C-alpha atoms as a PDB file:
ATOM      1  CA  MET A   1     -22.733  39.654 217.270  1.00  0.00           C
ATOM      2  CA  ALA A   2     -20.100  40.651 214.756  1.00  0.00           C
ATOM      3  CA  ILE A   3     -19.331  44.294 213.956  1.00  0.00           C
ATOM      4  CA  ILE A   4     -21.745  45.466 211.302  1.00  0.00           C
ATOM      5  CA  THR A   5     -21.125  48.090 208.639  1.00  0.00           C
ATOM      6  CA  ALA A   6     -23.331  50.966 207.542  1.00  0.00           C
ATOM      7  CA  GLN A   7     -23.710  49.205 204.192  1.00  0.00           C
ATOM      8  CA  GLN A   8     -25.042  46.067 205.897  1.00  0.00           C
ATOM      9  CA  LEU A   9     -27.469  48.131 207.979  1.00  0.00           C
ATOM     10  CA  GLN A  10     -28.782  49.777 204.810  1.00  0.00           C
ATOM     11  CA  HIS A  11     -29.114  46.324 203.221  1.00  0.00           C
ATOM     12  CA  TYR A  12     -31.213  45.127 206.166  1.00  0.00           C
ATOM     13  CA  TYR A  13     -33.387  48.242 206.049  1.00  0.00           C
ATOM     14  CA  ASP A  14     -33.952  48.124 202.280  1.00  0.00           C
ATOM     15  CA  TYR A  15     -34.548  44.382 201.894  1.00  0.00           C
ATOM     16  CA  TYR A  16     -36.483  43.632 205.098  1.00  0.00           C
ATOM     17  CA  ARG A  17     -38.326  46.921 205.532  1.00  0.00           C
ATOM     18  CA  THR A  18     -41.795  45.387 205.300  1.00  0.00           C
ATOM     19  CA  THR A  19     -40.973  41.998 206.871  1.00  0.00           C
ATOM     20  CA  GLU A  20     -42.922  41.563 210.089  1.00  0.00           C
ATOM     21  CA  ILE A  21     -41.763  39.404 212.981  1.00  0.00           C
ATOM     22  CA  ILE A  22     -44.024  38.215 215.796  1.00  0.00           C
ATOM     23  CA  PHE A  23     -42.436  38.226 219.233  1.00  0.00           C
ATOM     24  CA  THR A  24     -42.691  34.569 220.191  1.00  0.00           C
ATOM     25  CA  ARG A  25     -40.907  33.212 223.245  1.00  0.00           C
ATOM     26  CA  ASP A  26     -38.110  31.901 221.010  1.00  0.00           C
ATOM     27  CA  ILE A  27     -37.575  35.313 219.381  1.00  0.00           C
ATOM     28  CA  ILE A  28     -37.680  37.157 222.717  1.00  0.00           C
ATOM     29  CA  LYS A  29     -35.032  34.785 224.091  1.00  0.00           C
ATOM     30  CA  THR A  30     -32.814  35.048 221.010  1.00  0.00           C
ATOM     31  CA  LEU A  31     -32.978  38.857 221.022  1.00  0.00           C
ATOM     32  CA  SER A  32     -32.494  39.004 224.816  1.00  0.00           C
ATOM     33  CA  MET A  33     -35.480  41.312 224.951  1.00  0.00           C
ATOM     34  CA  ASP A  34     -36.749  42.476 228.349  1.00  0.00           C
ATOM     35  CA  PRO A  35     -40.584  42.453 228.150  1.00  0.00           C
ATOM     36  CA  ARG A  36     -40.817  44.262 231.507  1.00  0.00           C
ATOM     37  CA  GLN A  37     -39.103  47.316 230.004  1.00  0.00           C
ATOM     38  CA  ILE A  38     -41.450  47.789 227.008  1.00  0.00           C
ATOM     39  CA  TYR A  39     -43.537  50.973 227.124  1.00  0.00           C
ATOM     40  CA  VAL A  40     -45.741  53.098 224.914  1.00  0.00           C
ATOM     41  CA  LYS A  41     -45.513  56.879 225.241  1.00  0.00           C
ATOM     42  CA  CYS A  42     -48.298  59.290 224.301  1.00  0.00           C
ATOM     43  CA  SER A  43     -49.214  62.852 225.344  1.00  0.00           C
ATOM     44  CA  GLY A  44     -46.247  63.076 227.707  1.00  0.00           C
ATOM     45  CA  ASN A  45     -47.147  59.904 229.637  1.00  0.00           C
ATOM     46  CA  GLN A  46     -45.981  56.316 229.245  1.00  0.00           C
ATOM     47  CA  TRP A  47     -47.494  52.961 230.112  1.00  0.00           C
ATOM     48  CA  PRO A  48     -46.225  49.361 230.020  1.00  0.00           C
ATOM     49  CA  CYS A  49     -47.451  47.374 227.049  1.00  0.00           C
ATOM     50  CA  ILE A  50     -46.853  44.136 225.141  1.00  0.00           C
ATOM     51  CA  VAL A  51     -45.218  44.280 221.715  1.00  0.00           C
ATOM     52  CA  ASN A  52     -46.994  41.762 219.533  1.00  0.00           C
ATOM     53  CA  SER A  53     -44.976  42.294 216.338  1.00  0.00           C
ATOM     54  CA  THR A  54     -42.788  44.766 214.496  1.00  0.00           C
ATOM     55  CA  SER A  55     -41.181  45.592 211.189  1.00  0.00           C
ATOM     56  CA  PHE A  56     -39.030  48.559 210.179  1.00  0.00           C
ATOM     57  CA  GLN A  57     -42.196  50.489 209.329  1.00  0.00           C
ATOM     58  CA  TYR A  58     -44.660  49.793 212.134  1.00  0.00           C
ATOM     59  CA  ALA A  59     -45.299  47.970 215.402  1.00  0.00           C
ATOM     60  CA  LYS A  60     -48.371  46.331 216.893  1.00  0.00           C
ATOM     61  CA  ILE A  61     -48.800  46.595 220.646  1.00  0.00           C
ATOM     62  CA  ILE A  62     -51.350  45.149 223.060  1.00  0.00           C
ATOM     63  CA  VAL A  63     -52.872  47.279 225.830  1.00  0.00           C
ATOM     64  CA  GLY A  64     -55.820  46.978 228.196  1.00  0.00           C
ATOM     65  CA  THR A  65     -58.970  48.799 227.112  1.00  0.00           C
ATOM     66  CA  ARG A  66     -59.627  50.107 230.623  1.00  0.00           C
ATOM     67  CA  GLY A  67     -56.275  51.784 231.162  1.00  0.00           C
ATOM     68  CA  GLY A  68     -54.997  55.275 230.497  1.00  0.00           C
ATOM     69  CA  ALA A  69     -52.899  54.137 227.539  1.00  0.00           C
ATOM     70  CA  PHE A  70     -55.952  53.050 225.576  1.00  0.00           C
ATOM     71  CA  GLN A  71     -57.810  56.290 226.381  1.00  0.00           C
ATOM     72  CA  GLU A  72     -54.970  58.396 225.000  1.00  0.00           C
ATOM     73  CA  LEU A  73     -54.155  56.189 221.993  1.00  0.00           C
ATOM     74  CA  ALA A  74     -57.814  55.874 220.968  1.00  0.00           C
ATOM     75  CA  GLN A  75     -58.234  59.606 220.440  1.00  0.00           C
ATOM     76  CA  LYS A  76     -59.186  60.936 217.027  1.00  0.00           C
ATOM     77  CA  ASP A  77     -56.786  62.306 214.413  1.00  0.00           C
ATOM     78  CA  ASN A  78     -54.150  59.553 214.796  1.00  0.00           C
ATOM     79  CA  PRO A  79     -52.288  60.737 217.904  1.00  0.00           C
ATOM     80  CA  ALA A  80     -48.487  60.606 217.995  1.00  0.00           C
ATOM     81  CA  ALA A  81     -47.028  57.729 219.996  1.00  0.00           C
ATOM     82  CA  SER A  82     -43.599  56.207 220.633  1.00  0.00           C
ATOM     83  CA  VAL A  83     -42.692  52.623 221.486  1.00  0.00           C
ATOM     84  CA  ARG A  84     -39.836  51.959 223.914  1.00  0.00           C
ATOM     85  CA  PHE A  85     -37.825  48.784 223.214  1.00  0.00           C
ATOM     86  CA  SER A  86     -35.309  47.254 225.627  1.00  0.00           C
ATOM     87  CA  PHE A  87     -32.702  44.569 224.963  1.00  0.00           C
ATOM     88  CA  HIS A  88     -29.813  43.077 226.915  1.00  0.00           C
ATOM     89  CA  LYS A  89     -26.424  43.016 225.213  1.00  0.00           C
ATOM     90  CA  ALA A  90     -24.008  40.091 225.531  1.00  0.00           C
ATOM     91  CA  ASP A  91     -22.271  41.836 228.438  1.00  0.00           C
ATOM     92  CA  GLY A  92     -25.585  42.203 230.274  1.00  0.00           C
ATOM     93  CA  GLN A  93     -25.952  45.929 229.587  1.00  0.00           C
ATOM     94  CA  LEU A  94     -29.518  47.080 228.973  1.00  0.00           C
ATOM     95  CA  VAL A  95     -30.054  49.033 225.737  1.00  0.00           C
ATOM     96  CA  SER A  96     -33.293  51.020 225.428  1.00  0.00           C
ATOM     97  CA  PHE A  97     -34.594  53.427 222.800  1.00  0.00           C
ATOM     98  CA  TYR A  98     -37.839  54.979 221.568  1.00  0.00           C
ATOM     99  CA  VAL A  99     -39.161  54.713 218.031  1.00  0.00           C
ATOM    100  CA  ALA A 100     -41.501  57.571 217.152  1.00  0.00           C
ATOM    101  CA  GLY A 101     -44.724  56.966 215.257  1.00  0.00           C
ATOM    102  CA  LYS A 102     -48.446  57.567 215.105  1.00  0.00           C
ATOM    103  CA  VAL A 103     -51.531  55.440 215.714  1.00  0.00           C
ATOM    104  CA  VAL A 104     -53.061  54.160 212.467  1.00  0.00           C
ATOM    105  CA  SER A 105     -55.522  51.475 213.600  1.00  0.00           C
ATOM    106  CA  ILE A 106     -57.122  49.934 216.689  1.00  0.00           C
ATOM    107  CA  SER A 107     -58.885  46.558 216.916  1.00  0.00           C
ATOM    108  CA  SER A 108     -59.820  44.036 219.569  1.00  0.00           C
ATOM    109  CA  TYR A 109     -57.240  41.402 220.411  1.00  0.00           C
ATOM    110  CA  MET A 110     -58.616  37.915 219.707  1.00  0.00           C
ATOM    111  CA  ASN A 111     -62.187  39.225 220.132  1.00  0.00           C
ATOM    112  CA  SER A 112     -61.452  40.275 223.693  1.00  0.00           C
ATOM    113  CA  LYS A 113     -63.303  43.212 225.235  1.00  0.00           C
ATOM    114  CA  ASP A 114     -60.474  43.816 227.691  1.00  0.00           C
ATOM    115  CA  LEU A 115     -57.523  43.893 225.286  1.00  0.00           C
ATOM    116  CA  ALA A 116     -56.873  45.914 222.142  1.00  0.00           C
ATOM    117  CA  ILE A 117     -54.156  45.663 219.504  1.00  0.00           C
ATOM    118  CA  ILE A 118     -52.914  49.041 218.303  1.00  0.00           C
ATOM    119  CA  ALA A 119     -50.897  49.527 215.112  1.00  0.00           C
ATOM    120  CA  ILE A 120     -48.320  52.324 215.302  1.00  0.00           C
ATOM    121  CA  GLN A 121     -46.691  53.413 212.067  1.00  0.00           C
ATOM    122  CA  TYR A 122     -43.144  54.702 212.486  1.00  0.00           C
ATOM    123  CA  THR A 123     -42.653  58.293 211.351  1.00  0.00           C
ATOM    124  CA  GLN A 124     -38.861  58.016 211.250  1.00  0.00           C
ATOM    125  CA  ARG A 125     -36.240  55.376 210.549  1.00  0.00           C
ATOM    126  CA  PRO A 126     -35.657  53.204 213.639  1.00  0.00           C
ATOM    127  CA  PRO A 127     -32.274  53.443 215.438  1.00  0.00           C
ATOM    128  CA  ASP A 128     -29.336  51.470 214.012  1.00  0.00           C
ATOM    129  CA  ASP A 129     -29.295  49.134 217.047  1.00  0.00           C
ATOM    130  CA  PHE A 130     -32.900  48.169 216.320  1.00  0.00           C
ATOM    131  CA  ILE A 131     -32.213  47.638 212.604  1.00  0.00           C
ATOM    132  CA  GLU A 132     -29.150  45.538 213.428  1.00  0.00           C
ATOM    133  CA  MET A 133     -30.903  43.211 215.887  1.00  0.00           C
ATOM    134  CA  ILE A 134     -34.144  42.750 213.968  1.00  0.00           C
ATOM    135  CA  GLY A 135     -32.409  42.629 210.569  1.00  0.00           C
ATOM    136  CA  HIS A 136     -29.881  40.055 211.790  1.00  0.00           C
ATOM    137  CA  LEU A 137     -32.702  37.837 213.026  1.00  0.00           C
ATOM    138  CA  ILE A 138     -34.753  38.147 209.818  1.00  0.00           C
ATOM    139  CA  ASP A 139     -31.617  37.472 207.751  1.00  0.00           C
ATOM    140  CA  ALA A 140     -30.979  34.244 209.674  1.00  0.00           C
ATOM    141  CA  ASN A 141     -34.563  33.121 209.057  1.00  0.00           C
ATOM    142  CA  GLU A 142     -34.354  33.913 205.348  1.00  0.00           C
ATOM    143  CA  ASN A 143     -30.997  32.168 204.898  1.00  0.00           C
ATOM    144  CA  SER A 144     -32.235  29.072 206.741  1.00  0.00           C
ATOM    145  CA  ILE A 145     -34.485  28.546 203.705  1.00  0.00           C
ATOM    146  CA  ARG A 146     -32.207  29.764 200.897  1.00  0.00           C
ATOM    147  CA  ARG A 147     -29.082  28.017 202.189  1.00  0.00           C
ATOM    148  CA  ARG A 148     -30.699  25.019 203.849  1.00  0.00           C
ATOM    149  CA  GLU A 149     -28.289  22.481 202.366  1.00  0.00           C
ATOM    150  CA  ASP A 150     -25.025  24.441 202.707  1.00  0.00           C
ATOM    151  CA  ARG A 151     -22.778  22.092 204.685  1.00  0.00           C
ATOM    152  CA  ILE A 152     -20.246  23.163 207.290  1.00  0.00           C
ATOM    153  CA  ILE A 153     -17.455  20.615 207.693  1.00  0.00           C
ATOM    154  CA  ILE A 154     -16.609  20.321 211.371  1.00  0.00           C
ATOM    155  CA  ASN A 155     -12.939  20.756 212.234  1.00  0.00           C
ATOM    156  CA  ALA A 156     -10.901  22.803 214.718  1.00  0.00           C
ATOM    157  CA  ASP A 157     -11.248  26.004 212.685  1.00  0.00           C
ATOM    158  CA  SER A 158     -15.010  25.763 212.042  1.00  0.00           C
ATOM    159  CA  CYS A 159     -15.623  24.807 215.696  1.00  0.00           C
ATOM    160  CA  ARG A 160     -13.787  27.936 216.811  1.00  0.00           C
ATOM    161  CA  LYS A 161     -15.734  30.188 214.432  1.00  0.00           C
ATOM    162  CA  LEU A 162     -19.066  28.559 215.294  1.00  0.00           C
ATOM    163  CA  GLY A 163     -18.357  28.785 219.010  1.00  0.00           C
ATOM    164  CA  ILE A 164     -18.642  25.014 219.481  1.00  0.00           C
ATOM    165  CA  PRO A 165     -16.161  24.004 222.210  1.00  0.00           C
ATOM    166  CA  ARG A 166     -15.666  20.415 221.016  1.00  0.00           C
ATOM    167  CA  GLU A 167     -16.630  17.955 218.286  1.00  0.00           C
ATOM    168  CA  GLU A 168     -18.042  15.480 220.818  1.00  0.00           C
ATOM    169  CA  CYS A 169     -21.720  15.890 221.644  1.00  0.00           C
ATOM    170  CA  VAL A 170     -24.742  13.909 222.836  1.00  0.00           C
ATOM    171  CA  ILE A 171     -27.460  12.395 220.681  1.00  0.00           C
ATOM    172  CA  SER A 172     -30.588  10.893 222.237  1.00  0.00           C
ATOM    173  CA  ILE A 173     -32.100   8.102 220.134  1.00  0.00           C
ATOM    174  CA  GLN A 174     -35.546   7.172 221.367  1.00  0.00           C
ATOM    175  CA  ASN A 175     -34.734   8.960 224.631  1.00  0.00           C
ATOM    176  CA  VAL A 176     -31.508   6.956 225.115  1.00  0.00           C
ATOM    177  CA  PRO A 177     -28.491   9.343 225.230  1.00  0.00           C
ATOM    178  CA  ARG A 178     -25.316   8.312 223.394  1.00  0.00           C
ATOM    179  CA  ARG A 179     -21.987   9.928 222.768  1.00  0.00           C
ATOM    180  CA  CYS A 180     -21.276  10.918 219.177  1.00  0.00           C
ATOM    181  CA  ILE A 181     -18.786  12.886 217.093  1.00  0.00           C
ATOM    182  CA  LEU A 182     -20.004  15.780 214.991  1.00  0.00           C
ATOM    183  CA  ARG A 183     -18.904  15.692 211.334  1.00  0.00           C
ATOM    184  CA  ASP A 184     -20.948  18.413 209.593  1.00  0.00           C
ATOM    185  CA  LEU A 185     -23.793  20.854 210.172  1.00  0.00           C
ATOM    186  CA  SER A 186     -26.309  22.812 208.121  1.00  0.00           C
ATOM    187  CA  PHE A 187     -29.594  24.627 208.607  1.00  0.00           C
ATOM    188  CA  GLY A 188     -31.383  21.455 207.543  1.00  0.00           C
ATOM    189  CA  GLY A 189     -29.450  18.695 209.278  1.00  0.00           C
ATOM    190  CA  ALA A 190     -26.214  17.180 210.562  1.00  0.00           C
ATOM    191  CA  LYS A 191     -23.932  14.170 210.239  1.00  0.00           C
ATOM    192  CA  VAL A 192     -22.509  12.394 213.290  1.00  0.00           C
ATOM    193  CA  ILE A 193     -20.472   9.281 214.028  1.00  0.00           C
ATOM    194  CA  VAL A 194     -22.233   7.032 216.515  1.00  0.00           C
ATOM    195  CA  LEU A 195     -22.031   3.487 217.862  1.00  0.00           C
ATOM    196  CA  GLY A 196     -24.964   1.210 216.982  1.00  0.00           C
ATOM    197  CA  LEU A 197     -26.617  -1.005 214.395  1.00  0.00           C
ATOM    198  CA  ALA A 198     -28.203   0.278 211.194  1.00  0.00           C
ATOM    199  CA  GLN A 199     -31.588  -1.350 211.798  1.00  0.00           C
ATOM    200  CA  PHE A 200     -31.850   0.432 215.140  1.00  0.00           C
ATOM    201  CA  LEU A 201     -30.816   3.805 213.777  1.00  0.00           C
ATOM    202  CA  VAL A 202     -32.487   4.590 210.449  1.00  0.00           C
ATOM    203  CA  GLY A 203     -35.903   6.199 210.795  1.00  0.00           C
ATOM    204  CA  LYS A 204     -35.557   6.890 214.507  1.00  0.00           C
ATOM    205  CA  ILE A 205     -36.493  10.220 216.090  1.00  0.00           C
ATOM    206  CA  ILE A 206     -33.499  11.841 217.746  1.00  0.00           C
ATOM    207  CA  MET A 207     -32.492  14.906 219.704  1.00  0.00           C
ATOM    208  CA  LEU A 208     -29.011  16.284 219.130  1.00  0.00           C
ATOM    209  CA  SER A 209     -27.699  18.506 221.943  1.00  0.00           C
ATOM    210  CA  LEU A 210     -25.123  21.068 220.791  1.00  0.00           C
ATOM    211  CA  GLU A 211     -23.151  23.362 223.070  1.00  0.00           C
ATOM    212  CA  PHE A 212     -22.293  26.886 221.935  1.00  0.00           C
ATOM    213  CA  ASP A 213     -20.166  29.587 223.523  1.00  0.00           C
ATOM    214  CA  ASN A 214     -20.630  33.377 223.482  1.00  0.00           C
ATOM    215  CA  PRO A 215     -23.130  33.206 225.007  1.00  0.00           C
ATOM    216  CA  TYR A 216     -22.928  29.723 226.456  1.00  0.00           C
ATOM    217  CA  GLU A 217     -26.036  27.681 225.710  1.00  0.00           C
ATOM    218  CA  THR A 218     -27.059  24.125 224.923  1.00  0.00           C
ATOM    219  CA  ILE A 219     -29.399  23.965 221.946  1.00  0.00           C
ATOM    220  CA  PRO A 220     -31.608  20.861 221.490  1.00  0.00           C
ATOM    221  CA  LEU A 221     -32.220  19.921 217.845  1.00  0.00           C
ATOM    222  CA  THR A 222     -34.983  17.452 217.017  1.00  0.00           C
ATOM    223  CA  GLY A 223     -34.816  15.395 213.847  1.00  0.00           C
ATOM    224  CA  THR A 224     -34.875  12.006 212.146  1.00  0.00           C
ATOM    225  CA  ILE A 225     -32.047   9.710 211.062  1.00  0.00           C
ATOM    226  CA  ILE A 226     -32.491   9.256 207.322  1.00  0.00           C
ATOM    227  CA  LYS A 227     -29.292   7.353 206.483  1.00  0.00           C
ATOM    228  CA  ALA A 228     -26.636   5.247 208.211  1.00  0.00           C
ATOM    229  CA  VAL A 229     -23.357   4.301 206.509  1.00  0.00           C
ATOM    230  CA  PRO A 230     -20.864   1.991 208.277  1.00  0.00           C
ATOM    231  CA  VAL A 231     -17.458   3.431 209.003  1.00  0.00           C
ATOM    232  CA  GLU A 232     -14.757   1.614 207.024  1.00  0.00           C
ATOM    233  CA  GLY A 233     -13.428  -1.365 208.938  1.00  0.00           C
ATOM    234  CA  ARG A 234     -16.185  -1.294 211.587  1.00  0.00           C
ATOM    235  CA  LYS A 235     -19.638  -2.852 211.552  1.00  0.00           C
ATOM    236  CA  ASP A 236     -20.799  -1.262 214.793  1.00  0.00           C
ATOM    237  CA  ILE A 237     -19.923   2.380 214.063  1.00  0.00           C
ATOM    238  CA  PHE A 238     -21.998   4.400 211.613  1.00  0.00           C
ATOM    239  CA  ALA A 239     -21.960   7.842 210.036  1.00  0.00           C
ATOM    240  CA  VAL A 240     -25.615   8.837 210.342  1.00  0.00           C
ATOM    241  CA  SER A 241     -27.321  11.652 208.420  1.00  0.00           C
ATOM    242  CA  ILE A 242     -29.925  13.603 210.368  1.00  0.00           C
ATOM    243  CA  LYS A 243     -32.712  15.735 208.966  1.00  0.00           C
ATOM    244  CA  PHE A 244     -33.869  18.392 211.424  1.00  0.00           C
ATOM    245  CA  ASP A 245     -37.505  19.151 212.125  1.00  0.00           C
ATOM    246  CA  GLU A 246     -37.774  22.614 210.583  1.00  0.00           C
ATOM    247  CA  ALA A 247     -40.917  23.536 212.514  1.00  0.00           C
ATOM    248  CA  SER A 248     -39.122  23.179 215.867  1.00  0.00           C
ATOM    249  CA  LEU A 249     -35.673  24.428 214.800  1.00  0.00           C
ATOM    250  CA  PRO A 250     -34.600  27.018 217.404  1.00  0.00           C
ATOM    251  CA  LEU A 251     -33.952  30.505 216.100  1.00  0.00           C
ATOM    252  CA  SER A 252     -30.736  30.741 218.109  1.00  0.00           C
ATOM    253  CA  TYR A 253     -29.335  27.790 216.124  1.00  0.00           C
ATOM    254  CA  LYS A 254     -30.220  29.531 212.851  1.00  0.00           C
ATOM    255  CA  VAL A 255     -28.377  32.643 214.048  1.00  0.00           C
ATOM    256  CA  HIS A 256     -25.210  30.642 214.868  1.00  0.00           C
ATOM    257  CA  ILE A 257     -25.187  28.940 211.459  1.00  0.00           C
ATOM    258  CA  ASN A 258     -26.019  32.176 209.647  1.00  0.00           C
ATOM    259  CA  ASN A 259     -23.185  34.016 211.396  1.00  0.00           C
ATOM    260  CA  TYR A 260     -20.699  31.400 210.193  1.00  0.00           C
ATOM    261  CA  LEU A 261     -21.965  31.243 206.604  1.00  0.00           C
ATOM    262  CA  SER A 262     -22.156  35.042 206.419  1.00  0.00           C
ATOM    263  CA  SER A 263     -18.552  35.346 207.599  1.00  0.00           C
ATOM    264  CA  LEU A 264     -17.498  32.868 204.899  1.00  0.00           C
ATOM    265  CA  ARG A 265     -19.412  34.836 202.288  1.00  0.00           C
ATOM    266  CA  LYS A 266     -17.844  38.067 203.534  1.00  0.00           C
ATOM    267  CA  ASN A 267     -14.357  36.545 203.292  1.00  0.00           C
ATOM    268  CA  GLU A 268     -15.106  35.308 199.775  1.00  0.00           C
ATOM    269  CA  LEU A 269     -16.260  38.769 198.699  1.00  0.00           C
ATOM    270  CA  GLU A 270     -13.210  40.382 200.303  1.00  0.00           C
ATOM    271  CA  ASN A 271     -10.911  37.907 198.530  1.00  0.00           C
ATOM    272  CA  GLN A 272     -12.678  38.551 195.230  1.00  0.00           C
ATOM    273  CA  ALA A 273     -12.352  42.301 195.741  1.00  0.00           C
ATOM    274  CA  LYS A 274      -8.667  41.861 196.589  1.00  0.00           C
ATOM    275  CA  GLN A 275      -8.098  39.741 193.473  1.00  0.00           C
ATOM    276  CA  ILE A 276      -9.883  42.336 191.327  1.00  0.00           C
ATOM    277  CA  GLU A 277      -7.760  45.076 192.893  1.00  0.00           C
ATOM    278  CA  LEU A 278      -4.566  43.084 192.273  1.00  0.00           C
ATOM    279  CA  ALA A 279      -5.644  42.421 188.670  1.00  0.00           C
ATOM    280  CA  GLN A 280      -6.334  46.140 188.172  1.00  0.00           C
ATOM    281  CA  GLN A 281      -2.953  47.002 189.659  1.00  0.00           C
ATOM    282  CA  ALA A 282      -1.232  44.463 187.379  1.00  0.00           C
ATOM    283  CA  GLU A 283      -3.098  45.836 184.376  1.00  0.00           C
ATOM    284  CA  ALA A 284      -2.134  49.412 185.331  1.00  0.00           C
ATOM    285  CA  GLU A 285       1.489  48.342 185.775  1.00  0.00           C
ATOM    286  CA  ALA A 286       1.477  46.580 182.383  1.00  0.00           C
ATOM    287  CA  GLN A 287      -0.012  49.695 180.791  1.00  0.00           C
ATOM    288  CA  ARG A 288       2.643  51.858 182.468  1.00  0.00           C
ATOM    289  CA  ILE A 289       5.440  49.591 181.194  1.00  0.00           C
ATOM    290  CA  LYS A 290       3.872  49.628 177.719  1.00  0.00           C
ATOM    291  CA  GLU A 291       3.744  53.407 177.730  1.00  0.00           C
ATOM    292  CA  GLN A 292       7.332  53.610 178.976  1.00  0.00           C
ATOM    293  CA  ARG A 293       8.467  51.319 176.164  1.00  0.00           C
ATOM    294  CA  ALA A 294       6.528  53.326 173.597  1.00  0.00           C
ATOM    295  CA  GLN A 295       8.100  56.532 174.943  1.00  0.00           C
ATOM    296  CA  ALA A 296      11.549  54.911 174.865  1.00  0.00           C
ATOM    297  CA  VAL A 297      11.012  53.888 171.216  1.00  0.00           C
ATOM    298  CA  GLN A 298       9.820  57.382 170.386  1.00  0.00           C
ATOM    299  CA  ASN A 299      12.821  58.926 172.144  1.00  0.00           C
ATOM    300  CA  SER A 300      15.153  56.512 170.322  1.00  0.00           C
ATOM    301  CA  LYS A 301      13.634  57.475 166.969  1.00  0.00           C
ATOM    302  CA  ALA A 302      13.971  61.154 167.831  1.00  0.00           C
ATOM    303  CA  GLU A 303      17.602  60.665 168.818  1.00  0.00           C
ATOM    304  CA  GLU A 304      18.281  58.734 165.604  1.00  0.00           C
ATOM    305  CA  ALA A 305      16.639  61.459 163.518  1.00  0.00           C
ATOM    306  CA  ALA A 306      18.710  64.100 165.307  1.00  0.00           C
ATOM    307  CA  ARG A 307      21.891  62.095 164.719  1.00  0.00           C
ATOM    308  CA  LEU A 308      21.156  61.706 160.988  1.00  0.00           C
ATOM    309  CA  ALA A 309      20.390  65.412 160.684  1.00  0.00           C
ATOM    310  CA  ALA A 310      23.679  66.245 162.369  1.00  0.00           C
ATOM    311  CA  GLU A 311      25.592  63.916 160.056  1.00  0.00           C
ATOM    312  CA  GLN A 312      23.939  65.414 156.989  1.00  0.00           C
ATOM    313  CA  LYS A 313      24.803  68.911 158.195  1.00  0.00           C
ATOM    314  CA  ALA A 314      28.420  67.913 158.840  1.00  0.00           C
ATOM    315  CA  GLN A 315      28.713  66.423 155.319  1.00  0.00           C
ATOM    316  CA  ALA A 316      27.258  69.555 153.730  1.00  0.00           C
ATOM    317  CA  ILE A 317      29.951  71.972 155.169  1.00  0.00           C
ATOM    318  CA  PRO A 318      33.009  70.756 153.026  1.00  0.00           C
ATOM    319  CA  GLY A 319      30.937  70.940 149.837  1.00  0.00           C
ATOM    320  CA  GLN A 320      30.186  74.561 150.485  1.00  0.00           C
ATOM    321  CA  ALA A 321      34.037  75.371 150.719  1.00  0.00           C
ATOM    322  CA  ALA A 322      34.773  73.950 147.154  1.00  0.00           C
ATOM    323  CA  THR A 323      32.647  76.517 145.334  1.00  0.00           C
ATOM    324  CA  PRO A 324      32.634  76.109 141.486  1.00  0.00           C
ATOM    325  CA  GLN A 325      34.657  78.860 139.535  1.00  0.00           C
ATOM    326  CA  THR A 326      32.756  81.399 137.405  1.00  0.00           C
ATOM    327  CA  SER A 327      33.628  82.494 133.764  1.00  0.00           C
ATOM    328  CA  SER A 328      35.200  85.767 134.921  1.00  0.00           C
ATOM    329  CA  ASP A 329      37.591  83.888 137.056  1.00  0.00           C
ATOM    330  CA  ILE A 330      38.629  81.687 134.117  1.00  0.00           C
ATOM    331  CA  SER A 331      39.385  84.645 131.855  1.00  0.00           C
ATOM    332  CA  SER A 332      41.884  86.009 134.313  1.00  0.00           C
ATOM    333  CA  LEU A 333      44.014  82.922 134.230  1.00  0.00           C
ATOM    334  CA  PRO A 334      47.368  83.140 132.219  1.00  0.00           C
ATOM    335  CA  PRO A 335      47.379  81.532 128.761  1.00  0.00           C
ATOM    336  CA  LEU A 336      48.862  78.091 128.268  1.00  0.00           C
END
């Protein structure tokens, strides 16, 4: 899983706070959850339990009605209780943590007298690891609907980012395996190049087997061929369009596709932010140059005004030396 930011964690918590997920076998496998390490803690004791579902606000667990856990959790006044979750990281390390809460309701599980389902409302925000894993899974499910038709063109770069070791894969058409070449992928379908005849391809149920690394797994994808277009120059090779069966689409496949599309979206946002920053820098630089020019013009005008003032002062000095003669001065002159 990619490194996640505090902003992304807050996004998961705010947008998916009330979204509940039920722990099916597919979800448990995708999350690498260890069901044997799930416990409920109450009154200083803990007991193994089954987590039926969770959100960021509450969890629903299943316990036996004849055990000590039920006796403690069924007390009056909504007793405090904590749920212990355990997951395996990609490196095999077990990560466990408690989420504190309180009992808010108890009911029979599927009308059974031996099992009860207990709702525990969290009294604090779950740990970041929990928000990351559950939020990442919910996000993949949501995007598989919103971005169903977003196509990923298969090339060396996209294969590397998707964790697909090669473009060649296996497609089984009516239980007959054939080699094919992957051309594009999406949440909703795929396009492959395969040998065959159009009349024996269109409308057929298929299973496309895709290999992924990190972790290594082969994911089977069931679907139907909805279109077959001959490759130019060949009548026996077709580019076939496949529509996946959404009801059976593995969650792990959704996570792989969501990781890739999210990374593209992140890169786009980073590029947009960089372009905005560069535009702001260019605008600031243009403003600085404009201000410098305006200051230069102002300084030039000031210098010109000072020069004119100095010239006027210099011209005024000789005029002051040739002072006009008064009448008394004239009378003292000798007669003609």
